[in-house]
C-alpha atoms as a PDB file:
ATOM      1  CA  MET A   1     120.068 -99.528 -42.067  1.00  0.00           C
ATOM      2  CA  GLY A   2     120.775-101.906 -42.510  1.00  0.00           C
ATOM      3  CA  CYS A   3     122.863-104.372 -42.627  1.00  0.00           C
ATOM      4  CA  ASP A   4     124.692-103.690 -44.472  1.00  0.00           C
ATOM      5  CA  ALA A   5     127.615-102.123 -45.143  1.00  0.00           C
ATOM      6  CA  ALA A   6     128.779 -98.424 -45.185  1.00  0.00           C
ATOM      7  CA  SER A   7     132.234 -97.858 -46.955  1.00  0.00           C
ATOM      8  CA  GLU A   8     133.480-100.196 -50.032  1.00  0.00           C
ATOM      9  CA  HIS A   9     137.413-100.225 -48.905  1.00  0.00           C
ATOM     10  CA  GLU A  10     138.959-102.975 -48.533  1.00  0.00           C
ATOM     11  CA  ARG A  11     139.213-104.439 -45.384  1.00  0.00           C
ATOM     12  CA  GLY A  12     142.982-106.361 -45.681  1.00  0.00           C
ATOM     13  CA  LEU A  13     140.448-109.788 -45.426  1.00  0.00           C
ATOM     14  CA  LYS A  14     140.092-112.238 -48.883  1.00  0.00           C
ATOM     15  CA  ARG A  15     137.514-110.455 -49.431  1.00  0.00           C
ATOM     16  CA  PRO A  16     137.342-109.119 -52.999  1.00  0.00           C
ATOM     17  CA  ARG A  17     136.228-106.127 -54.637  1.00  0.00           C
ATOM     18  CA  ALA A  18     132.484-105.095 -55.059  1.00  0.00           C
ATOM     19  CA  GLY A  19     130.996-106.414 -57.494  1.00  0.00           C
ATOM     20  CA  ALA A  20     128.529-108.931 -58.643  1.00  0.00           C
ATOM     21  CA  TYR A  21     128.292-111.940 -56.590  1.00  0.00           C
ATOM     22  CA  SER A  22     129.741-115.123 -58.236  1.00  0.00           C
ATOM     23  CA  THR A  23     131.510-118.266 -57.153  1.00  0.00           C
ATOM     24  CA  HIS A  24     135.243-118.849 -58.656  1.00  0.00           C
ATOM     25  CA  THR A  25     136.243-122.339 -58.538  1.00  0.00           C
ATOM     26  CA  VAL A  26     139.691-124.370 -59.074  1.00  0.00           C
ATOM     27  CA  ASP A  27     140.017-127.681 -59.235  1.00  0.00           C
ATOM     28  CA  ASN A  28     139.080-128.871 -55.688  1.00  0.00           C
ATOM     29  CA  GLU A  29     139.601-125.525 -53.602  1.00  0.00           C
ATOM     30  CA  PRO A  30     136.426-124.148 -52.518  1.00  0.00           C
ATOM     31  CA  PRO A  31     134.580-121.447 -53.913  1.00  0.00           C
ATOM     32  CA  ARG A  32     135.210-117.305 -53.416  1.00  0.00           C
ATOM     33  CA  VAL A  33     132.637-115.151 -53.216  1.00  0.00           C
ATOM     34  CA  LYS A  34     132.204-111.531 -55.048  1.00  0.00           C
ATOM     35  CA  TRP A  35     130.142-109.091 -52.865  1.00  0.00           C
ATOM     36  CA  GLY A  36     128.237-106.169 -54.545  1.00  0.00           C
ATOM     37  CA  ALA A  37     128.888-102.390 -53.169  1.00  0.00           C
ATOM     38  CA  GLY A  38     127.855-102.955 -49.476  1.00  0.00           C
ATOM     39  CA  LEU A  39     127.964-106.286 -48.883  1.00  0.00           C
ATOM     40  CA  HIS A  40     124.074-106.522 -49.576  1.00  0.00           C
ATOM     41  CA  VAL A  41     122.685-106.544 -53.020  1.00  0.00           C
ATOM     42  CA  VAL A  42     123.843-107.473 -55.794  1.00  0.00           C
ATOM     43  CA  ASP A  43     125.403-104.490 -58.085  1.00  0.00           C
ATOM     44  CA  GLY A  44     123.028-103.565 -60.807  1.00  0.00           C
ATOM     45  CA  GLN A  45     120.397-105.150 -59.238  1.00  0.00           C
ATOM     46  CA  SER A  46     117.414-104.152 -57.340  1.00  0.00           C
ATOM     47  CA  VAL A  47     116.742-104.483 -53.828  1.00  0.00           C
ATOM     48  CA  ASN A  48     114.424-107.765 -53.323  1.00  0.00           C
ATOM     49  CA  ALA A  49     112.436-105.227 -50.381  1.00  0.00           C
ATOM     50  CA  SER A  50     110.063-108.525 -49.109  1.00  0.00           C
ATOM     51  CA  ALA A  51     113.165-111.017 -48.674  1.00  0.00           C
ATOM     52  CA  TYR A  52     115.076-108.433 -47.231  1.00  0.00           C
ATOM     53  CA  GLU A  53     112.198-107.338 -44.627  1.00  0.00           C
ATOM     54  CA  GLN A  54     111.930-110.818 -43.768  1.00  0.00           C
ATOM     55  CA  TYR A  55     115.825-111.220 -43.615  1.00  0.00           C
ATOM     56  CA  CYS A  56     116.424-108.457 -41.678  1.00  0.00           C
ATOM     57  CA  GLY A  57     114.093-105.659 -41.834  1.00  0.00           C
ATOM     58  CA  ARG A  58     111.053-107.846 -39.150  1.00  0.00           C
ATOM     59  CA  TRP A  59     115.043-107.276 -36.428  1.00  0.00           C
ATOM     60  CA  SER A  60     116.676-104.404 -37.588  1.00  0.00           C
ATOM     61  CA  ARG A  61     113.299-101.524 -36.631  1.00  0.00           C
ATOM     62  CA  LEU A  62     112.471-103.467 -33.097  1.00  0.00           C
ATOM     63  CA  PHE A  63     115.524-101.309 -32.243  1.00  0.00           C
ATOM     64  CA  VAL A  64     115.255 -98.207 -34.352  1.00  0.00           C
ATOM     65  CA  PRO A  65     112.678 -96.800 -31.053  1.00  0.00           C
ATOM     66  CA  ALA A  66     115.791 -97.287 -28.892  1.00  0.00           C
ATOM     67  CA  VAL A  67     118.374 -95.205 -30.875  1.00  0.00           C
ATOM     68  CA  LEU A  68     116.164 -92.574 -31.792  1.00  0.00           C
ATOM     69  CA  ALA A  69     115.422 -92.310 -28.567  1.00  0.00           C
ATOM     70  CA  ALA A  70     119.367 -92.786 -27.409  1.00  0.00           C
ATOM     71  CA  VAL A  71     119.615 -89.244 -30.240  1.00  0.00           C
ATOM     72  CA  ASP A  72     117.009 -87.092 -28.456  1.00  0.00           C
ATOM     73  CA  VAL A  73     115.409 -86.638 -31.888  1.00  0.00           C
ATOM     74  CA  ILE A  74     113.043 -84.282 -31.406  1.00  0.00           C
ATOM     75  CA  ALA A  75     110.848 -81.729 -33.977  1.00  0.00           C
ATOM     76  CA  GLY A  76     112.539 -79.575 -36.601  1.00  0.00           C
ATOM     77  CA  ASP A  77     115.985 -82.317 -36.065  1.00  0.00           C
ATOM     78  CA  ARG A  78     117.778 -82.616 -38.973  1.00  0.00           C
ATOM     79  CA  VAL A  79     119.273 -86.107 -39.006  1.00  0.00           C
ATOM     80  CA  LEU A  80     121.526 -88.179 -40.655  1.00  0.00           C
ATOM     81  CA  ASP A  81     121.381 -92.044 -41.454  1.00  0.00           C
ATOM     82  CA  VAL A  82     124.537 -93.547 -41.995  1.00  0.00           C
ATOM     83  CA  ALA A  83     123.798 -96.441 -43.921  1.00  0.00           C
ATOM     84  CA  THR A  84     120.173 -96.529 -44.111  1.00  0.00           C
ATOM     85  CA  GLY A  85     119.591 -99.224 -46.583  1.00  0.00           C
ATOM     86  CA  PRO A  86     116.157 -99.362 -47.130  1.00  0.00           C
ATOM     87  CA  GLY A  87     115.360 -96.558 -44.975  1.00  0.00           C
ATOM     88  CA  GLU A  88     113.797 -98.909 -41.881  1.00  0.00           C
ATOM     89  CA  ALA A  89     115.611 -96.695 -39.133  1.00  0.00           C
ATOM     90  CA  ALA A  90     114.776 -93.267 -41.739  1.00  0.00           C
ATOM     91  CA  ALA A  91     110.973 -94.441 -41.290  1.00  0.00           C
ATOM     92  CA  LEU A  92     110.619 -93.651 -37.755  1.00  0.00           C
ATOM     93  CA  ALA A  93     113.386 -90.249 -37.853  1.00  0.00           C
ATOM     94  CA  LEU A  94     110.471 -88.868 -40.448  1.00  0.00           C
ATOM     95  CA  SER A  95     107.782 -89.238 -37.668  1.00  0.00           C
ATOM     96  CA  ARG A  96     109.974 -88.025 -35.015  1.00  0.00           C
ATOM     97  CA  VAL A  97     111.415 -84.722 -37.518  1.00  0.00           C
ATOM     98  CA  GLY A  98     107.855 -83.826 -38.644  1.00  0.00           C
ATOM     99  CA  SER A  99     107.634 -80.780 -41.267  1.00  0.00           C
ATOM    100  CA  ALA A 100     109.497 -78.673 -40.037  1.00  0.00           C
ATOM    101  CA  GLY A 101     112.689 -81.803 -40.086  1.00  0.00           C
ATOM    102  CA  LEU A 102     114.800 -83.420 -42.786  1.00  0.00           C
ATOM    103  CA  VAL A 103     115.961 -86.582 -42.469  1.00  0.00           C
ATOM    104  CA  VAL A 104     118.924 -87.720 -44.694  1.00  0.00           C
ATOM    105  CA  GLY A 105     119.780 -91.026 -45.543  1.00  0.00           C
ATOM    106  CA  VAL A 106     123.470 -92.048 -46.830  1.00  0.00           C
ATOM    107  CA  ASP A 107     124.215 -95.302 -48.149  1.00  0.00           C
ATOM    108  CA  ILE A 108     127.709 -97.101 -50.756  1.00  0.00           C
ATOM    109  CA  ALA A 109     124.409 -99.542 -52.162  1.00  0.00           C
ATOM    110  CA  PRO A 110     122.487 -97.283 -54.538  1.00  0.00           C
ATOM    111  CA  ALA A 111     119.725 -99.795 -55.134  1.00  0.00           C
ATOM    112  CA  MET A 112     119.372 -99.691 -51.485  1.00  0.00           C
ATOM    113  CA  LEU A 113     119.309 -95.962 -51.493  1.00  0.00           C
ATOM    114  CA  ASP A 114     116.185 -96.371 -54.627  1.00  0.00           C
ATOM    115  CA  THR A 115     114.336 -98.444 -52.782  1.00  0.00           C
ATOM    116  CA  ALA A 116     114.363 -95.478 -49.594  1.00  0.00           C
ATOM    117  CA  ARG A 117     113.890 -93.375 -51.798  1.00  0.00           C
ATOM    118  CA  ALA A 118     110.182 -94.447 -53.461  1.00  0.00           C
ATOM    119  CA  ARG A 119     109.355 -95.310 -49.852  1.00  0.00           C
ATOM    120  CA  PHE A 120     109.795 -91.420 -49.709  1.00  0.00           C
ATOM    121  CA  ALA A 121     109.188 -90.073 -51.700  1.00  0.00           C
ATOM    122  CA  GLY A 122     107.002 -86.511 -51.080  1.00  0.00           C
ATOM    123  CA  GLN A 123     108.685 -86.949 -47.113  1.00  0.00           C
ATOM    124  CA  ARG A 124     111.228 -84.939 -45.472  1.00  0.00           C
ATOM    125  CA  PHE A 125     113.551 -87.005 -46.678  1.00  0.00           C
ATOM    126  CA  ARG A 126     117.211 -86.498 -48.843  1.00  0.00           C
ATOM    127  CA  ALA A 127     119.372 -89.786 -50.485  1.00  0.00           C
ATOM    128  CA  ALA A 128     123.349 -90.282 -51.539  1.00  0.00           C
ATOM    129  CA  ALA A 129     125.679 -92.536 -52.514  1.00  0.00           C
ATOM    130  CA  MET A 130     127.974 -91.563 -50.075  1.00  0.00           C
ATOM    131  CA  ASP A 131     130.945 -93.798 -48.101  1.00  0.00           C
ATOM    132  CA  GLY A 132     130.647 -93.234 -44.490  1.00  0.00           C
ATOM    133  CA  GLN A 133     134.039 -93.120 -43.728  1.00  0.00           C
ATOM    134  CA  ALA A 134     134.649 -89.890 -45.784  1.00  0.00           C
ATOM    135  CA  LEU A 135     130.621 -87.975 -45.228  1.00  0.00           C
ATOM    136  CA  ALA A 136     130.656 -85.117 -47.662  1.00  0.00           C
ATOM    137  CA  PHE A 137     129.349 -82.853 -45.738  1.00  0.00           C
ATOM    138  CA  PRO A 138     130.057 -79.713 -43.484  1.00  0.00           C
ATOM    139  CA  ASP A 139     131.349 -80.056 -39.600  1.00  0.00           C
ATOM    140  CA  GLY A 140     127.973 -79.810 -37.714  1.00  0.00           C
ATOM    141  CA  SER A 141     126.320 -79.986 -40.076  1.00  0.00           C
ATOM    142  CA  PHE A 142     123.150 -82.369 -37.998  1.00  0.00           C
ATOM    143  CA  ASP A 143     121.582 -82.327 -35.051  1.00  0.00           C
ATOM    144  CA  GLY A 144     121.339 -86.160 -34.519  1.00  0.00           C
ATOM    145  CA  VAL A 145     123.964 -89.218 -36.199  1.00  0.00           C
ATOM    146  CA  ILE A 146     122.310 -92.415 -36.380  1.00  0.00           C
ATOM    147  CA  CYS A 147     123.428 -95.390 -37.708  1.00  0.00           C
ATOM    148  CA  GLN A 148     121.135 -98.918 -37.695  1.00  0.00           C
ATOM    149  CA  LEU A 149     123.429-102.260 -38.248  1.00  0.00           C
ATOM    150  CA  GLY A 150     125.949-100.360 -40.093  1.00  0.00           C
ATOM    151  CA  LEU A 151     129.832 -99.877 -38.694  1.00  0.00           C
ATOM    152  CA  MET A 152     130.150-103.151 -37.905  1.00  0.00           C
ATOM    153  CA  PHE A 153     130.483-103.601 -41.497  1.00  0.00           C
ATOM    154  CA  PHE A 154     132.640-100.827 -42.690  1.00  0.00           C
ATOM    155  CA  PRO A 155     136.060-101.849 -43.376  1.00  0.00           C
ATOM    156  CA  ASP A 156     138.023 -98.633 -40.396  1.00  0.00           C
ATOM    157  CA  PRO A 157     134.813 -98.506 -37.878  1.00  0.00           C
ATOM    158  CA  ALA A 158     136.615 -95.788 -35.882  1.00  0.00           C
ATOM    159  CA  ARG A 159     137.031 -93.324 -38.837  1.00  0.00           C
ATOM    160  CA  GLY A 160     133.571 -93.996 -39.331  1.00  0.00           C
ATOM    161  CA  LEU A 161     132.870 -92.608 -35.772  1.00  0.00           C
ATOM    162  CA  ALA A 162     135.299 -90.687 -36.672  1.00  0.00           C
ATOM    163  CA  GLU A 163     133.083 -88.763 -39.058  1.00  0.00           C
ATOM    164  CA  PHE A 164     129.478 -89.252 -37.284  1.00  0.00           C
ATOM    165  CA  ARG A 165     131.504 -86.921 -34.575  1.00  0.00           C
ATOM    166  CA  ARG A 166     132.648 -84.010 -37.179  1.00  0.00           C
ATOM    167  CA  VAL A 167     129.393 -83.123 -38.996  1.00  0.00           C
ATOM    168  CA  LEU A 168     128.064 -83.341 -35.682  1.00  0.00           C
ATOM    169  CA  ARG A 169     126.424 -79.945 -33.772  1.00  0.00           C
ATOM    170  CA  ARG A 170     127.895 -79.110 -30.665  1.00  0.00           C
ATOM    171  CA  GLY A 171     125.880 -80.805 -28.099  1.00  0.00           C
ATOM    172  CA  ARG A 172     123.715 -82.995 -29.673  1.00  0.00           C
ATOM    173  CA  ARG A 173     123.811 -86.704 -29.717  1.00  0.00           C
ATOM    174  CA  ALA A 174     124.781 -89.496 -32.152  1.00  0.00           C
ATOM    175  CA  ALA A 175     123.789 -93.064 -32.121  1.00  0.00           C
ATOM    176  CA  VAL A 176     124.762 -96.720 -33.757  1.00  0.00           C
ATOM    177  CA  CYS A 177     123.498 -99.947 -33.278  1.00  0.00           C
ATOM    178  CA  VAL A 178     125.323-103.585 -33.463  1.00  0.00           C
ATOM    179  CA  ILE A 179     124.090-106.832 -33.509  1.00  0.00           C
ATOM    180  CA  SER A 180     126.053-109.052 -31.149  1.00  0.00           C
ATOM    181  CA  ALA A 181     128.026-111.757 -30.384  1.00  0.00           C
ATOM    182  CA  PRO A 182     126.107-114.985 -33.071  1.00  0.00           C
ATOM    183  CA  GLU A 183     125.304-117.125 -30.142  1.00  0.00           C
ATOM    184  CA  ARG A 184     123.035-113.991 -29.554  1.00  0.00           C
ATOM    185  CA  ALA A 185     121.327-114.125 -32.652  1.00  0.00           C
ATOM    186  CA  PRO A 186     121.347-117.208 -34.081  1.00  0.00           C
ATOM    187  CA  MET A 187     118.903-116.711 -36.725  1.00  0.00           C
ATOM    188  CA  TRP A 188     122.641-115.309 -38.362  1.00  0.00           C
ATOM    189  CA  GLY A 189     124.960-116.252 -36.145  1.00  0.00           C
ATOM    190  CA  ILE A 190     124.421-119.772 -37.085  1.00  0.00           C
ATOM    191  CA  LEU A 191     123.890-119.192 -41.167  1.00  0.00           C
ATOM    192  CA  ALA A 192     127.238-117.353 -41.065  1.00  0.00           C
ATOM    193  CA  ASP A 193     128.687-121.043 -39.069  1.00  0.00           C
ATOM    194  CA  ALA A 194     127.163-122.870 -41.104  1.00  0.00           C
ATOM    195  CA  LEU A 195     128.121-121.542 -44.628  1.00  0.00           C
ATOM    196  CA  SER A 196     131.842-120.657 -42.570  1.00  0.00           C
ATOM    197  CA  ARG A 197     132.759-124.691 -43.508  1.00  0.00           C
ATOM    198  CA  TYR A 198     132.604-124.343 -47.161  1.00  0.00           C
ATOM    199  CA  LEU A 199     134.003-121.496 -47.694  1.00  0.00           C
ATOM    200  CA  PRO A 200     136.489-121.018 -45.371  1.00  0.00           C
ATOM    201  CA  ASP A 201     138.091-118.131 -47.241  1.00  0.00           C
ATOM    202  CA  HIS A 202     135.656-115.989 -45.943  1.00  0.00           C
ATOM    203  CA  ARG A 203     134.980-117.007 -42.934  1.00  0.00           C
ATOM    204  CA  ASP A 204     136.198-113.301 -41.380  1.00  0.00           C
ATOM    205  CA  ASP A 205     133.385-111.363 -43.991  1.00  0.00           C
ATOM    206  CA  LEU A 206     130.878-114.496 -43.510  1.00  0.00           C
ATOM    207  CA  HIS A 207     131.065-112.702 -39.645  1.00  0.00           C
ATOM    208  CA  LEU A 208     131.495-109.079 -39.607  1.00  0.00           C
ATOM    209  CA  SER A 209     128.172-108.856 -38.525  1.00  0.00           C
ATOM    210  CA  PHE A 210     129.662-109.826 -35.473  1.00  0.00           C
ATOM    211  CA  VAL A 211     132.789-107.448 -34.982  1.00  0.00           C
ATOM    212  CA  LEU A 212     131.269-105.437 -32.881  1.00  0.00           C
ATOM    213  CA  ALA A 213     130.093-107.464 -30.393  1.00  0.00           C
ATOM    214  CA  ASP A 214     132.847-106.075 -27.563  1.00  0.00           C
ATOM    215  CA  SER A 215     130.878-103.638 -25.582  1.00  0.00           C
ATOM    216  CA  GLY A 216     134.161-102.177 -24.137  1.00  0.00           C
ATOM    217  CA  ARG A 217     135.739-101.869 -27.263  1.00  0.00           C
ATOM    218  CA  LEU A 218     132.941 -99.993 -29.146  1.00  0.00           C
ATOM    219  CA  GLU A 219     132.533 -97.434 -25.535  1.00  0.00           C
ATOM    220  CA  ARG A 220     136.253 -96.503 -25.998  1.00  0.00           C
ATOM    221  CA  MET A 221     136.735 -96.249 -30.190  1.00  0.00           C
ATOM    222  CA  LEU A 222     133.199 -93.732 -29.209  1.00  0.00           C
ATOM    223  CA  HIS A 223     135.762 -92.043 -26.283  1.00  0.00           C
ATOM    224  CA  ALA A 224     138.249 -91.634 -28.963  1.00  0.00           C
ATOM    225  CA  ALA A 225     136.040 -90.522 -31.943  1.00  0.00           C
ATOM    226  CA  GLY A 226     135.764 -87.321 -29.127  1.00  0.00           C
ATOM    227  CA  PHE A 227     131.784 -88.386 -28.203  1.00  0.00           C
ATOM    228  CA  ARG A 228     131.372 -87.106 -24.359  1.00  0.00           C
ATOM    229  CA  ASP A 229     128.488 -88.360 -22.302  1.00  0.00           C
ATOM    230  CA  VAL A 230     129.020 -91.630 -23.856  1.00  0.00           C
ATOM    231  CA  GLY A 231     126.483 -94.695 -22.954  1.00  0.00           C
ATOM    232  CA  LEU A 232     126.010 -98.290 -23.838  1.00  0.00           C
ATOM    233  CA  THR A 233     123.314-100.387 -23.304  1.00  0.00           C
ATOM    234  CA  HIS A 234     122.730-104.038 -24.578  1.00  0.00           C
ATOM    235  CA  GLU A 235     119.254-104.863 -25.821  1.00  0.00           C
ATOM    236  CA  LYS A 236     117.296-108.230 -27.113  1.00  0.00           C
ATOM    237  CA  ARG A 237     113.859-108.371 -28.405  1.00  0.00           C
ATOM    238  CA  ASP A 238     112.159-111.505 -29.845  1.00  0.00           C
ATOM    239  CA  ALA A 239     110.442-112.409 -33.121  1.00  0.00           C
ATOM    240  CA  ILE A 240     108.321-115.402 -34.456  1.00  0.00           C
ATOM    241  CA  PHE A 241     108.778-117.230 -37.687  1.00  0.00           C
ATOM    242  CA  GLU A 242     105.831-119.426 -38.587  1.00  0.00           C
ATOM    243  CA  SER A 243     107.990-122.452 -39.920  1.00  0.00           C
ATOM    244  CA  PHE A 244     111.055-122.561 -40.840  1.00  0.00           C
ATOM    245  CA  GLU A 245     110.346-122.245 -44.840  1.00  0.00           C
ATOM    246  CA  ASP A 246     108.976-118.519 -43.228  1.00  0.00           C
ATOM    247  CA  TYR A 247     112.615-117.978 -42.437  1.00  0.00           C
ATOM    248  CA  TRP A 248     114.891-120.072 -44.898  1.00  0.00           C
ATOM    249  CA  LYS A 249     112.185-118.110 -47.839  1.00  0.00           C
ATOM    250  CA  PRO A 250     114.339-114.574 -47.846  1.00  0.00           C
ATOM    251  CA  ILE A 251     117.798-116.494 -47.874  1.00  0.00           C
ATOM    252  CA  GLU A 252     116.682-118.674 -50.846  1.00  0.00           C
ATOM    253  CA  ALA A 253     116.135-114.882 -52.487  1.00  0.00           C
ATOM    254  CA  GLY A 254     119.752-114.000 -52.182  1.00  0.00           C
ATOM    255  CA  VAL A 255     118.816-111.248 -49.973  1.00  0.00           C
ATOM    256  CA  GLY A 256     122.059-109.777 -47.539  1.00  0.00           C
ATOM    257  CA  SER A 257     125.954-110.893 -46.787  1.00  0.00           C
ATOM    258  CA  LEU A 258     124.964-113.730 -45.597  1.00  0.00           C
ATOM    259  CA  PRO A 259     121.999-115.077 -48.335  1.00  0.00           C
ATOM    260  CA  GLN A 260     124.640-114.346 -51.181  1.00  0.00           C
ATOM    261  CA  ALA A 261     127.191-116.401 -49.972  1.00  0.00           C
ATOM    262  CA  TYR A 262     124.680-119.258 -50.076  1.00  0.00           C
ATOM    263  CA  ARG A 263     123.065-118.813 -53.391  1.00  0.00           C
ATOM    264  CA  THR A 264     126.904-118.565 -54.429  1.00  0.00           C
ATOM    265  CA  LEU A 265     127.426-122.324 -54.160  1.00  0.00           C
ATOM    266  CA  PRO A 266     126.814-125.296 -55.708  1.00  0.00           C
ATOM    267  CA  GLU A 267     122.934-126.669 -55.100  1.00  0.00           C
ATOM    268  CA  ALA A 268     124.235-130.094 -52.981  1.00  0.00           C
ATOM    269  CA  ILE A 269     126.164-127.538 -50.867  1.00  0.00           C
ATOM    270  CA  ARG A 270     122.975-125.533 -50.203  1.00  0.00           C
ATOM    271  CA  HIS A 271     120.891-128.406 -49.277  1.00  0.00           C
ATOM    272  CA  ALA A 272     123.605-129.647 -46.419  1.00  0.00           C
ATOM    273  CA  VAL A 273     123.847-126.007 -45.216  1.00  0.00           C
ATOM    274  CA  ARG A 274     119.702-125.944 -45.237  1.00  0.00           C
ATOM    275  CA  HIS A 275     120.000-129.033 -43.320  1.00  0.00           C
ATOM    276  CA  GLU A 276     122.398-128.059 -40.588  1.00  0.00           C
ATOM    277  CA  VAL A 277     121.253-124.418 -40.240  1.00  0.00           C
ATOM    278  CA  LYS A 278     117.961-126.189 -39.560  1.00  0.00           C
ATOM    279  CA  THR A 279     118.760-128.999 -37.080  1.00  0.00           C
ATOM    280  CA  ALA A 280     120.221-126.322 -34.712  1.00  0.00           C
ATOM    281  CA  LEU A 281     117.268-124.512 -35.141  1.00  0.00           C
ATOM    282  CA  ALA A 282     115.651-127.328 -33.756  1.00  0.00           C
ATOM    283  CA  ARG A 283     116.252-126.279 -30.331  1.00  0.00           C
ATOM    284  CA  PHE A 284     113.568-123.223 -31.239  1.00  0.00           C
ATOM    285  CA  ASP A 285     111.227-124.857 -32.081  1.00  0.00           C
ATOM    286  CA  THR A 286     107.957-124.958 -30.567  1.00  0.00           C
ATOM    287  CA  ASP A 287     105.192-126.920 -32.781  1.00  0.00           C
ATOM    288  CA  GLY A 288     106.450-125.890 -35.937  1.00  0.00           C
ATOM    289  CA  ARG A 289     106.756-122.464 -35.153  1.00  0.00           C
ATOM    290  CA  LEU A 290     110.575-121.268 -34.989  1.00  0.00           C
ATOM    291  CA  ALA A 291     110.995-118.283 -31.131  1.00  0.00           C
ATOM    292  CA  MET A 292     113.900-116.864 -32.107  1.00  0.00           C
ATOM    293  CA  SER A 293     115.708-113.592 -29.917  1.00  0.00           C
ATOM    294  CA  VAL A 294     118.192-111.427 -31.191  1.00  0.00           C
ATOM    295  CA  GLU A 295     120.208-108.481 -28.718  1.00  0.00           C
ATOM    296  CA  MET A 296     122.224-105.776 -30.450  1.00  0.00           C
ATOM    297  CA  LEU A 297     124.486-103.219 -28.142  1.00  0.00           C
ATOM    298  CA  ILE A 298     123.111 -99.306 -28.276  1.00  0.00           C
ATOM    299  CA  ALA A 299     125.460 -97.044 -28.065  1.00  0.00           C
ATOM    300  CA  ALA A 300     125.278 -93.050 -28.053  1.00  0.00           C
ATOM    301  CA  GLY A 301     127.430 -90.364 -27.174  1.00  0.00           C
ATOM    302  CA  ARG A 302     127.681 -86.072 -26.883  1.00  0.00           C
ATOM    303  CA  ALA A 303     129.800 -83.877 -29.491  1.00  0.00           C
END
């Protein structure tokens, strides 16, 4: 991933076209936010890899082993990682496919791909800027397709799944990992709710992370895309932030869709959001440390 979109087509929401984030106000109207391509990084800027790791990567990688297990990745496989981001899923996939295999990472955000290329220099990794809903590969090109925390940001997730099925070899598997409901991912759900109070016109955008939390709907989408032997599991992982400041620092850095929105707000409102989130997270506090868990859905199917 991750945690980034794989298509820049409009979803039909009030999201402006891709571009550097900014805030626009008219009189007392709420600010309006512009996100860069892929939502998680500002157009024309490099990725703050450390901040992204603290905001999203530390959680994403906890689920990657289960995703690769669902795809049955083995040595020599050609694996497509859609919405690869800085390469959290690709890193483990590379260790599985070995020197005879190949991992291809695609993402709509060039800055994410630059980070992944640098990370995997000299390894069996190829990167390409590409819309996950219109993959530029022939039918049956890959032995496995993975999408780690990207599908929920697609304007048309069903179209993306159909593309995953198309480029997959007959009999092989694809797997996607998406975030569960906001209350089961409090590190992001609480922040999304707080931001929505100050950016009401962007509430749908701010809650995109959770739009595929309905397991029944996700399974039906895989079946409709032509997958067989569809299965879905709810996976939960725990992690600890050493302090609230440890949790909040990457949000201040503005890497990720929610932090970008936060950074567009006037300073006084940013302070209010920070206070709201800190208060809401107090129930996870133990001696100054925040112990939280996140639930994700991993769905897989065979071509």
